[in-house]
């Protein structure tokens, strides 16, 4: 009987961990239209790149914390508590990654 209990837990744990917040590294960038930065000067794009990089670093740290909280919550309570509480900021990380890619691509095209 005890073996069955552990087997159920062993199966449930990976399923619950799959519900956890993603690591920031595994989040794919969202699509951002290149036209959003057309006409921007190199100076303006460099400033925006700095702002986006800072915001991405902050959001990535929040997402890492959410993931850690989810893993701990699943292990201790069986629930991804950070994701349930709204701490998961994966959409923001994806949005910022998309902006970063487009800014970098546009800067390269304009030889900034």
C-alpha atoms as a PDB file:
ATOM      1  CA  UNK A   1       0.000   0.000   0.000  1.00  0.00           C
ATOM      2  CA  UNK A   2       2.776   2.438   0.897  1.00  0.00           C
ATOM      3  CA  UNK A   3       4.476   1.747  -2.426  1.00  0.00           C
ATOM      4  CA  UNK A   4       1.303   2.729  -4.281  1.00  0.00           C
ATOM      5  CA  UNK A   5       1.181   5.998  -2.336  1.00  0.00           C
ATOM      6  CA  UNK A   6       4.736   6.891  -3.333  1.00  0.00           C
ATOM      7  CA  UNK A   7       4.115   5.858  -6.932  1.00  0.00           C
ATOM      8  CA  UNK A   8       1.126   8.209  -7.098  1.00  0.00           C
ATOM      9  CA  UNK A   9       3.220  11.009  -5.603  1.00  0.00           C
ATOM     10  CA  UNK A  10       6.052  10.208  -8.000  1.00  0.00           C
ATOM     11  CA  UNK A  11       3.652  10.591 -10.910  1.00  0.00           C
ATOM     12  CA  UNK A  12       1.896  13.654  -9.513  1.00  0.00           C
ATOM     13  CA  UNK A  13       5.090  15.574  -8.765  1.00  0.00           C
ATOM     14  CA  UNK A  14       6.195  15.914 -12.405  1.00  0.00           C
ATOM     15  CA  UNK A  15       2.657  16.884 -13.378  1.00  0.00           C
ATOM     16  CA  UNK A  16       2.518  19.553 -10.668  1.00  0.00           C
ATOM     17  CA  UNK A  17       6.004  20.809 -11.505  1.00  0.00           C
ATOM     18  CA  UNK A  18       4.870  21.248 -15.109  1.00  0.00           C
ATOM     19  CA  UNK A  19       2.277  23.725 -13.785  1.00  0.00           C
ATOM     20  CA  UNK A  20       5.031  25.787 -12.174  1.00  0.00           C
ATOM     21  CA  UNK A  21       6.193  29.102 -13.535  1.00  0.00           C
ATOM     22  CA  UNK A  22       8.696  28.784 -16.383  1.00  0.00           C
ATOM     23  CA  UNK A  23      12.309  29.732 -15.908  1.00  0.00           C
ATOM     24  CA  UNK A  24      13.048  33.109 -17.552  1.00  0.00           C
ATOM     25  CA  UNK A  25      15.567  31.452 -19.871  1.00  0.00           C
ATOM     26  CA  UNK A  26      12.927  29.124 -21.297  1.00  0.00           C
ATOM     27  CA  UNK A  27      10.410  31.873 -22.129  1.00  0.00           C
ATOM     28  CA  UNK A  28      10.246  32.667 -25.828  1.00  0.00           C
ATOM     29  CA  UNK A  29      10.045  36.305 -26.944  1.00  0.00           C
ATOM     30  CA  UNK A  30       6.692  37.700 -28.021  1.00  0.00           C
ATOM     31  CA  UNK A  31       6.310  39.148 -31.485  1.00  0.00           C
ATOM     32  CA  UNK A  32       6.989  42.875 -31.665  1.00  0.00           C
ATOM     33  CA  UNK A  33       6.534  44.667 -34.963  1.00  0.00           C
ATOM     34  CA  UNK A  34       9.775  46.126 -36.324  1.00  0.00           C
ATOM     35  CA  UNK A  35       7.809  49.201 -37.392  1.00  0.00           C
ATOM     36  CA  UNK A  36       7.539  50.137 -33.713  1.00  0.00           C
ATOM     37  CA  UNK A  37      11.149  51.332 -33.815  1.00  0.00           C
ATOM     38  CA  UNK A  38      11.375  52.561 -37.393  1.00  0.00           C
ATOM     39  CA  UNK A  39      12.423  56.175 -37.518  1.00  0.00           C
ATOM     40  CA  UNK A  40      14.089  56.080 -34.110  1.00  0.00           C
ATOM     41  CA  UNK A  41      17.559  57.572 -33.859  1.00  0.00           C
ATOM     42  CA  UNK A  42      20.479  55.464 -32.672  1.00  0.00           C
ATOM     43  CA  UNK A  43      20.642  57.538 -29.492  1.00  0.00           C
ATOM     44  CA  UNK A  44      16.957  56.953 -28.744  1.00  0.00           C
ATOM     45  CA  UNK A  45      17.275  53.223 -29.445  1.00  0.00           C
ATOM     46  CA  UNK A  46      20.327  52.914 -27.180  1.00  0.00           C
ATOM     47  CA  UNK A  47      18.399  54.604 -24.383  1.00  0.00           C
ATOM     48  CA  UNK A  48      15.386  52.351 -24.986  1.00  0.00           C
ATOM     49  CA  UNK A  49      17.634  49.276 -25.115  1.00  0.00           C
ATOM     50  CA  UNK A  50      19.010  50.215 -21.690  1.00  0.00           C
ATOM     51  CA  UNK A  51      15.509  50.686 -20.281  1.00  0.00           C
ATOM     52  CA  UNK A  52      14.288  47.383 -21.769  1.00  0.00           C
ATOM     53  CA  UNK A  53      17.370  45.504 -20.501  1.00  0.00           C
ATOM     54  CA  UNK A  54      16.844  46.866 -16.976  1.00  0.00           C
ATOM     55  CA  UNK A  55      13.145  45.972 -17.035  1.00  0.00           C
ATOM     56  CA  UNK A  56      13.940  42.513 -18.421  1.00  0.00           C
ATOM     57  CA  UNK A  57      16.484  41.889 -15.650  1.00  0.00           C
ATOM     58  CA  UNK A  58      13.899  42.878 -13.027  1.00  0.00           C
ATOM     59  CA  UNK A  59      11.133  40.776 -14.592  1.00  0.00           C
ATOM     60  CA  UNK A  60      13.488  37.809 -15.018  1.00  0.00           C
ATOM     61  CA  UNK A  61      14.400  37.972 -11.326  1.00  0.00           C
ATOM     62  CA  UNK A  62      10.694  38.078 -10.404  1.00  0.00           C
ATOM     63  CA  UNK A  63      10.047  35.109 -12.682  1.00  0.00           C
ATOM     64  CA  UNK A  64      12.925  33.142 -11.128  1.00  0.00           C
ATOM     65  CA  UNK A  65      11.514  33.873  -7.693  1.00  0.00           C
ATOM     66  CA  UNK A  66       8.048  32.755  -8.843  1.00  0.00           C
ATOM     67  CA  UNK A  67       9.509  29.528 -10.194  1.00  0.00           C
ATOM     68  CA  UNK A  68      11.369  28.865  -6.944  1.00  0.00           C
ATOM     69  CA  UNK A  69       8.212  29.581  -4.960  1.00  0.00           C
ATOM     70  CA  UNK A  70       6.195  27.264  -7.186  1.00  0.00           C
ATOM     71  CA  UNK A  71       8.668  24.405  -6.832  1.00  0.00           C
ATOM     72  CA  UNK A  72       8.733  24.828  -3.044  1.00  0.00           C
ATOM     73  CA  UNK A  73       4.943  25.087  -2.964  1.00  0.00           C
ATOM     74  CA  UNK A  74       4.507  21.935  -5.019  1.00  0.00           C
ATOM     75  CA  UNK A  75       6.919  20.021  -2.816  1.00  0.00           C
ATOM     76  CA  UNK A  76       5.414  21.262   0.457  1.00  0.00           C
ATOM     77  CA  UNK A  77       1.741  21.811  -0.413  1.00  0.00           C
ATOM     78  CA  UNK A  78       1.186  20.186  -3.762  1.00  0.00           C
ATOM     79  CA  UNK A  79       0.293  23.553  -5.352  1.00  0.00           C
ATOM     80  CA  UNK A  80       2.229  26.048  -7.484  1.00  0.00           C
ATOM     81  CA  UNK A  81       1.526  28.873  -5.027  1.00  0.00           C
ATOM     82  CA  UNK A  82       3.422  31.645  -6.824  1.00  0.00           C
ATOM     83  CA  UNK A  83       1.600  31.053 -10.096  1.00  0.00           C
ATOM     84  CA  UNK A  84      -1.711  30.930  -8.269  1.00  0.00           C
ATOM     85  CA  UNK A  85      -0.962  34.203  -6.462  1.00  0.00           C
ATOM     86  CA  UNK A  86      -0.120  36.130  -9.646  1.00  0.00           C
ATOM     87  CA  UNK A  87       3.655  36.220  -9.137  1.00  0.00           C
ATOM     88  CA  UNK A  88       4.226  34.550 -12.517  1.00  0.00           C
ATOM     89  CA  UNK A  89       5.340  37.341 -14.900  1.00  0.00           C
ATOM     90  CA  UNK A  90       6.116  35.169 -17.937  1.00  0.00           C
ATOM     91  CA  UNK A  91       4.052  37.344 -20.335  1.00  0.00           C
ATOM     92  CA  UNK A  92       6.051  40.409 -19.287  1.00  0.00           C
ATOM     93  CA  UNK A  93       9.352  38.566 -19.751  1.00  0.00           C
ATOM     94  CA  UNK A  94       8.216  37.446 -23.222  1.00  0.00           C
ATOM     95  CA  UNK A  95       7.133  40.981 -24.155  1.00  0.00           C
ATOM     96  CA  UNK A  96      10.425  42.516 -23.024  1.00  0.00           C
ATOM     97  CA  UNK A  97      12.452  39.833 -24.823  1.00  0.00           C
ATOM     98  CA  UNK A  98      10.530  40.641 -27.998  1.00  0.00           C
ATOM     99  CA  UNK A  99      11.306  44.348 -27.672  1.00  0.00           C
ATOM    100  CA  UNK A 100      14.962  43.606 -26.964  1.00  0.00           C
ATOM    101  CA  UNK A 101      15.272  41.475 -30.114  1.00  0.00           C
ATOM    102  CA  UNK A 102      13.632  44.076 -32.342  1.00  0.00           C
ATOM    103  CA  UNK A 103      15.708  46.923 -30.912  1.00  0.00           C
ATOM    104  CA  UNK A 104      18.938  44.959 -31.414  1.00  0.00           C
ATOM    105  CA  UNK A 105      17.952  43.975 -34.964  1.00  0.00           C
ATOM    106  CA  UNK A 106      16.973  47.552 -35.840  1.00  0.00           C
ATOM    107  CA  UNK A 107      20.193  48.934 -34.365  1.00  0.00           C
ATOM    108  CA  UNK A 108      22.222  46.460 -36.432  1.00  0.00           C
ATOM    109  CA  UNK A 109      20.323  47.379 -39.609  1.00  0.00           C
ATOM    110  CA  UNK A 110      20.962  51.072 -38.971  1.00  0.00           C
ATOM    111  CA  UNK A 111      24.632  50.435 -38.055  1.00  0.00           C
ATOM    112  CA  UNK A 112      24.195  52.002 -34.611  1.00  0.00           C
END
